[in-house]
């Protein structure tokens, strides 16, 4: 099981490097989308906590 996780991690890292090298614009768009998702989630948690306190 541990070997499978290591192999999966290596595959993901290789895919990420391949994507960055072959298509930097697309990779930048993916990172931007990821950060926007994280930001939206944090804002949602903030709104929830604010409403919970009120």
PDB file of N, CA and C in Angstrom:
ATOM      1  N   UNK A   1       0.824  -1.195   0.000  1.00  0.00           N
ATOM      2  CA  UNK A   1       0.000   0.000   0.000  1.00  0.00           C
ATOM      3  C   UNK A   1       0.869   1.259   0.000  1.00  0.00           C
ATOM      4  N   UNK A   2       1.936   1.255   0.770  1.00  0.00           N
ATOM      5  CA  UNK A   2       2.821   2.416   0.846  1.00  0.00           C
ATOM      6  C   UNK A   2       3.496   2.645  -0.503  1.00  0.00           C
ATOM      7  N   UNK A   3       3.898   1.559  -1.162  1.00  0.00           N
ATOM      8  CA  UNK A   3       4.533   1.676  -2.477  1.00  0.00           C
ATOM      9  C   UNK A   3       3.567   2.286  -3.483  1.00  0.00           C
ATOM     10  N   UNK A   4       2.302   1.924  -3.403  1.00  0.00           N
ATOM     11  CA  UNK A   4       1.297   2.454  -4.323  1.00  0.00           C
ATOM     12  C   UNK A   4       1.148   3.959  -4.127  1.00  0.00           C
ATOM     13  N   UNK A   5       1.154   4.407  -2.883  1.00  0.00           N
ATOM     14  CA  UNK A   5       1.048   5.840  -2.609  1.00  0.00           C
ATOM     15  C   UNK A   5       2.263   6.586  -3.154  1.00  0.00           C
ATOM     16  N   UNK A   6       3.453   6.014  -2.993  1.00  0.00           N
ATOM     17  CA  UNK A   6       4.663   6.647  -3.505  1.00  0.00           C
ATOM     18  C   UNK A   6       4.624   6.742  -5.022  1.00  0.00           C
ATOM     19  N   UNK A   7       4.198   5.679  -5.663  1.00  0.00           N
ATOM     20  CA  UNK A   7       4.122   5.677  -7.121  1.00  0.00           C
ATOM     21  C   UNK A   7       3.101   6.708  -7.601  1.00  0.00           C
ATOM     22  N   UNK A   8       1.956   6.767  -6.933  1.00  0.00           N
ATOM     23  CA  UNK A   8       0.929   7.741  -7.307  1.00  0.00           C
ATOM     24  C   UNK A   8       1.456   9.168  -7.135  1.00  0.00           C
ATOM     25  N   UNK A   9       2.176   9.425  -6.056  1.00  0.00           N
ATOM     26  CA  UNK A   9       2.755  10.743  -5.823  1.00  0.00           C
ATOM     27  C   UNK A   9       3.750  11.101  -6.922  1.00  0.00           C
ATOM     28  N   UNK A  10       4.609  10.157  -7.294  1.00  0.00           N
ATOM     29  CA  UNK A  10       5.575  10.394  -8.364  1.00  0.00           C
ATOM     30  C   UNK A  10       4.871  10.681  -9.684  1.00  0.00           C
ATOM     31  N   UNK A  11       3.805   9.963  -9.975  1.00  0.00           N
ATOM     32  CA  UNK A  11       3.060  10.182 -11.212  1.00  0.00           C
ATOM     33  C   UNK A  11       2.466  11.585 -11.228  1.00  0.00           C
ATOM     34  N   UNK A  12       1.902  12.011 -10.105  1.00  0.00           N
ATOM     35  CA  UNK A  12       1.313  13.353 -10.022  1.00  0.00           C
ATOM     36  C   UNK A  12       2.391  14.421 -10.206  1.00  0.00           C
ATOM     37  N   UNK A  13       3.531  14.243  -9.562  1.00  0.00           N
ATOM     38  CA  UNK A  13       4.620  15.219  -9.684  1.00  0.00           C
ATOM     39  C   UNK A  13       5.121  15.292 -11.120  1.00  0.00           C
ATOM     40  N   UNK A  14       5.303  14.136 -11.751  1.00  0.00           N
ATOM     41  CA  UNK A  14       5.764  14.120 -13.145  1.00  0.00           C
ATOM     42  C   UNK A  14       4.741  14.798 -14.056  1.00  0.00           C
ATOM     43  N   UNK A  15       3.458  14.531 -13.832  1.00  0.00           N
ATOM     44  CA  UNK A  15       2.418  15.169 -14.635  1.00  0.00           C
ATOM     45  C   UNK A  15       2.447  16.680 -14.459  1.00  0.00           C
ATOM     46  N   UNK A  16       2.610  17.138 -13.221  1.00  0.00           N
ATOM     47  CA  UNK A  16       2.656  18.576 -12.966  1.00  0.00           C
ATOM     48  C   UNK A  16       3.850  19.213 -13.670  1.00  0.00           C
ATOM     49  N   UNK A  17       5.002  18.594 -13.559  1.00  0.00           N
ATOM     50  CA  UNK A  17       6.188  19.133 -14.230  1.00  0.00           C
ATOM     51  C   UNK A  17       6.011  19.138 -15.740  1.00  0.00           C
ATOM     52  N   UNK A  18       5.450  18.074 -16.291  1.00  0.00           N
ATOM     53  CA  UNK A  18       5.203  17.992 -17.730  1.00  0.00           C
ATOM     54  C   UNK A  18       4.260  19.114 -18.172  1.00  0.00           C
ATOM     55  N   UNK A  19       3.202  19.337 -17.396  1.00  0.00           N
ATOM     56  CA  UNK A  19       2.238  20.384 -17.736  1.00  0.00           C
ATOM     57  C   UNK A  19       2.888  21.758 -17.684  1.00  0.00           C
ATOM     58  N   UNK A  20       3.694  22.001 -16.668  1.00  0.00           N
ATOM     59  CA  UNK A  20       4.357  23.302 -16.527  1.00  0.00           C
ATOM     60  C   UNK A  20       5.343  23.542 -17.665  1.00  0.00           C
ATOM     61  N   UNK A  21       6.085  22.521 -18.027  1.00  0.00           N
ATOM     62  CA  UNK A  21       7.102  22.677 -19.072  1.00  0.00           C
ATOM     63  C   UNK A  21       6.473  22.828 -20.448  1.00  0.00           C
ATOM     64  N   UNK A  22       5.467  22.005 -20.753  1.00  0.00           N
ATOM     65  CA  UNK A  22       4.905  22.028 -22.100  1.00  0.00           C
ATOM     66  C   UNK A  22       3.891  23.145 -22.308  1.00  0.00           C
ATOM     67  N   UNK A  23       3.215  23.573 -21.251  1.00  0.00           N
ATOM     68  CA  UNK A  23       2.172  24.582 -21.401  1.00  0.00           C
ATOM     69  C   UNK A  23       2.117  25.477 -20.168  1.00  0.00           C
ATOM     70  N   UNK A  24       3.044  26.413 -20.056  1.00  0.00           N
ATOM     71  CA  UNK A  24       3.078  27.257 -18.865  1.00  0.00           C
ATOM     72  C   UNK A  24       1.829  28.130 -18.696  1.00  0.00           C
ATOM     73  N   UNK A  25       1.236  28.573 -19.808  1.00  0.00           N
ATOM     74  CA  UNK A  25       0.027  29.396 -19.703  1.00  0.00           C
ATOM     75  C   UNK A  25      -1.118  28.601 -19.088  1.00  0.00           C
ATOM     76  N   UNK A  26      -1.286  27.375 -19.542  1.00  0.00           N
ATOM     77  CA  UNK A  26      -2.353  26.515 -19.001  1.00  0.00           C
ATOM     78  C   UNK A  26      -2.085  26.213 -17.528  1.00  0.00           C
ATOM     79  N   UNK A  27      -0.820  25.963 -17.182  1.00  0.00           N
ATOM     80  CA  UNK A  27      -0.471  25.683 -15.787  1.00  0.00           C
ATOM     81  C   UNK A  27      -0.775  26.893 -14.909  1.00  0.00           C
ATOM     82  N   UNK A  28      -0.499  28.087 -15.403  1.00  0.00           N
ATOM     83  CA  UNK A  28      -0.792  29.298 -14.640  1.00  0.00           C
ATOM     84  C   UNK A  28      -2.296  29.452 -14.443  1.00  0.00           C
ATOM     85  N   UNK A  29      -3.068  29.130 -15.482  1.00  0.00           N
ATOM     86  CA  UNK A  29      -4.528  29.196 -15.350  1.00  0.00           C
ATOM     87  C   UNK A  29      -5.028  28.212 -14.301  1.00  0.00           C
ATOM     88  N   UNK A  30      -4.449  27.008 -14.282  1.00  0.00           N
ATOM     89  CA  UNK A  30      -4.857  26.002 -13.287  1.00  0.00           C
ATOM     90  C   UNK A  30      -4.567  26.485 -11.872  1.00  0.00           C
ATOM     91  N   UNK A  31      -3.395  27.078 -11.681  1.00  0.00           N
ATOM     92  CA  UNK A  31      -3.026  27.582 -10.353  1.00  0.00           C
ATOM     93  C   UNK A  31      -3.973  28.705  -9.946  1.00  0.00           C
ATOM     94  N   UNK A  32      -4.290  29.596 -10.878  1.00  0.00           N
ATOM     95  CA  UNK A  32      -5.204  30.696 -10.574  1.00  0.00           C
ATOM     96  C   UNK A  32      -6.575  30.160 -10.190  1.00  0.00           C
ATOM     97  N   UNK A  33      -7.075  29.179 -10.916  1.00  0.00           N
ATOM     98  CA  UNK A  33      -8.374  28.576 -10.600  1.00  0.00           C
ATOM     99  C   UNK A  33      -8.338  27.937  -9.215  1.00  0.00           C
ATOM    100  N   UNK A  34      -7.238  27.263  -8.901  1.00  0.00           N
ATOM    101  CA  UNK A  34      -7.100  26.641  -7.587  1.00  0.00           C
ATOM    102  C   UNK A  34      -7.129  27.658  -6.466  1.00  0.00           C
ATOM    103  N   UNK A  35      -6.393  28.761  -6.638  1.00  0.00           N
ATOM    104  CA  UNK A  35      -6.369  29.789  -5.603  1.00  0.00           C
ATOM    105  C   UNK A  35      -7.721  30.489  -5.474  1.00  0.00           C
ATOM    106  N   UNK A  36      -8.412  30.671  -6.593  1.00  0.00           N
ATOM    107  CA  UNK A  36      -9.743  31.271  -6.525  1.00  0.00           C
ATOM    108  C   UNK A  36     -10.700  30.360  -5.755  1.00  0.00           C
ATOM    109  N   UNK A  37     -10.564  29.048  -5.963  1.00  0.00           N
ATOM    110  CA  UNK A  37     -11.393  28.098  -5.226  1.00  0.00           C
ATOM    111  C   UNK A  37     -11.118  28.135  -3.735  1.00  0.00           C
ATOM    112  N   UNK A  38      -9.848  28.191  -3.382  1.00  0.00           N
ATOM    113  CA  UNK A  38      -9.473  28.269  -1.969  1.00  0.00           C
ATOM    114  C   UNK A  38      -9.986  29.569  -1.355  1.00  0.00           C
ATOM    115  N   UNK A  39      -9.866  30.659  -2.104  1.00  0.00           N
ATOM    116  CA  UNK A  39     -10.353  31.956  -1.618  1.00  0.00           C
ATOM    117  C   UNK A  39     -11.859  31.931  -1.407  1.00  0.00           C
ATOM    118  N   UNK A  40     -12.582  31.354  -2.342  1.00  0.00           N
ATOM    119  CA  UNK A  40     -14.044  31.271  -2.207  1.00  0.00           C
ATOM    120  C   UNK A  40     -14.430  30.431  -0.998  1.00  0.00           C
ATOM    121  N   UNK A  41     -13.717  29.339  -0.793  1.00  0.00           N
ATOM    122  CA  UNK A  41     -14.013  28.483   0.360  1.00  0.00           C
ATOM    123  C   UNK A  41     -13.743  29.223   1.663  1.00  0.00           C
ATOM    124  N   UNK A  42     -12.646  29.964   1.719  1.00  0.00           N
ATOM    125  CA  UNK A  42     -12.326  30.717   2.931  1.00  0.00           C
ATOM    126  C   UNK A  42     -13.368  31.806   3.189  1.00  0.00           C
ATOM    127  N   UNK A  43     -13.828  32.458   2.131  1.00  0.00           N
ATOM    128  CA  UNK A  43     -14.869  33.476   2.298  1.00  0.00           C
ATOM    129  C   UNK A  43     -16.161  32.843   2.803  1.00  0.00           C
ATOM    130  N   UNK A  44     -16.487  31.662   2.282  1.00  0.00           N
ATOM    131  CA  UNK A  44     -17.691  30.968   2.742  1.00  0.00           C
ATOM    132  C   UNK A  44     -17.605  30.603   4.213  1.00  0.00           C
ATOM    133  N   UNK A  45     -16.448  30.131   4.647  1.00  0.00           N
ATOM    134  CA  UNK A  45     -16.257  29.799   6.061  1.00  0.00           C
ATOM    135  C   UNK A  45     -16.356  31.062   6.904  1.00  0.00           C
ATOM    136  N   UNK A  46     -15.792  32.152   6.409  1.00  0.00           N
ATOM    137  CA  UNK A  46     -15.873  33.418   7.143  1.00  0.00           C
ATOM    138  C   UNK A  46     -17.310  33.894   7.295  1.00  0.00           C
ATOM    139  N   UNK A  47     -18.081  33.803   6.213  1.00  0.00           N
ATOM    140  CA  UNK A  47     -19.491  34.198   6.291  1.00  0.00           C
ATOM    141  C   UNK A  47     -20.253  33.310   7.268  1.00  0.00           C
ATOM    142  N   UNK A  48     -19.970  32.019   7.223  1.00  0.00           N
ATOM    143  CA  UNK A  48     -20.636  31.074   8.126  1.00  0.00           C
ATOM    144  C   UNK A  48     -20.335  31.420   9.585  1.00  0.00           C
ATOM    145  N   UNK A  49     -19.068  31.663   9.879  1.00  0.00           N
ATOM    146  CA  UNK A  49     -18.681  31.996  11.247  1.00  0.00           C
ATOM    147  C   UNK A  49     -19.312  33.319  11.690  1.00  0.00           C
ATOM    148  N   UNK A  50     -19.369  34.292  10.789  1.00  0.00           N
ATOM    149  CA  UNK A  50     -19.987  35.567  11.119  1.00  0.00           C
ATOM    150  C   UNK A  50     -21.465  35.380  11.443  1.00  0.00           C
ATOM    151  N   UNK A  51     -22.160  34.634  10.639  1.00  0.00           N
ATOM    152  CA  UNK A  51     -23.580  34.391  10.890  1.00  0.00           C
ATOM    153  C   UNK A  51     -23.783  33.574  12.157  1.00  0.00           C
ATOM    154  N   UNK A  52     -22.852  32.674  12.439  1.00  0.00           N
ATOM    155  CA  UNK A  52     -22.943  31.855  13.639  1.00  0.00           C
ATOM    156  C   UNK A  52     -22.809  32.722  14.892  1.00  0.00           C
ATOM    157  N   UNK A  53     -21.907  33.693  14.858  1.00  0.00           N
ATOM    158  CA  UNK A  53     -21.695  34.583  15.995  1.00  0.00           C
ATOM    159  C   UNK A  53     -22.884  35.528  16.165  1.00  0.00           C
ATOM    160  N   UNK A  54     -23.424  35.998  15.056  1.00  0.00           N
ATOM    161  CA  UNK A  54     -24.567  36.931  15.137  1.00  0.00           C
ATOM    162  C   UNK A  54     -25.780  36.122  15.533  1.00  0.00           C
TER     163      UNK A  54
END
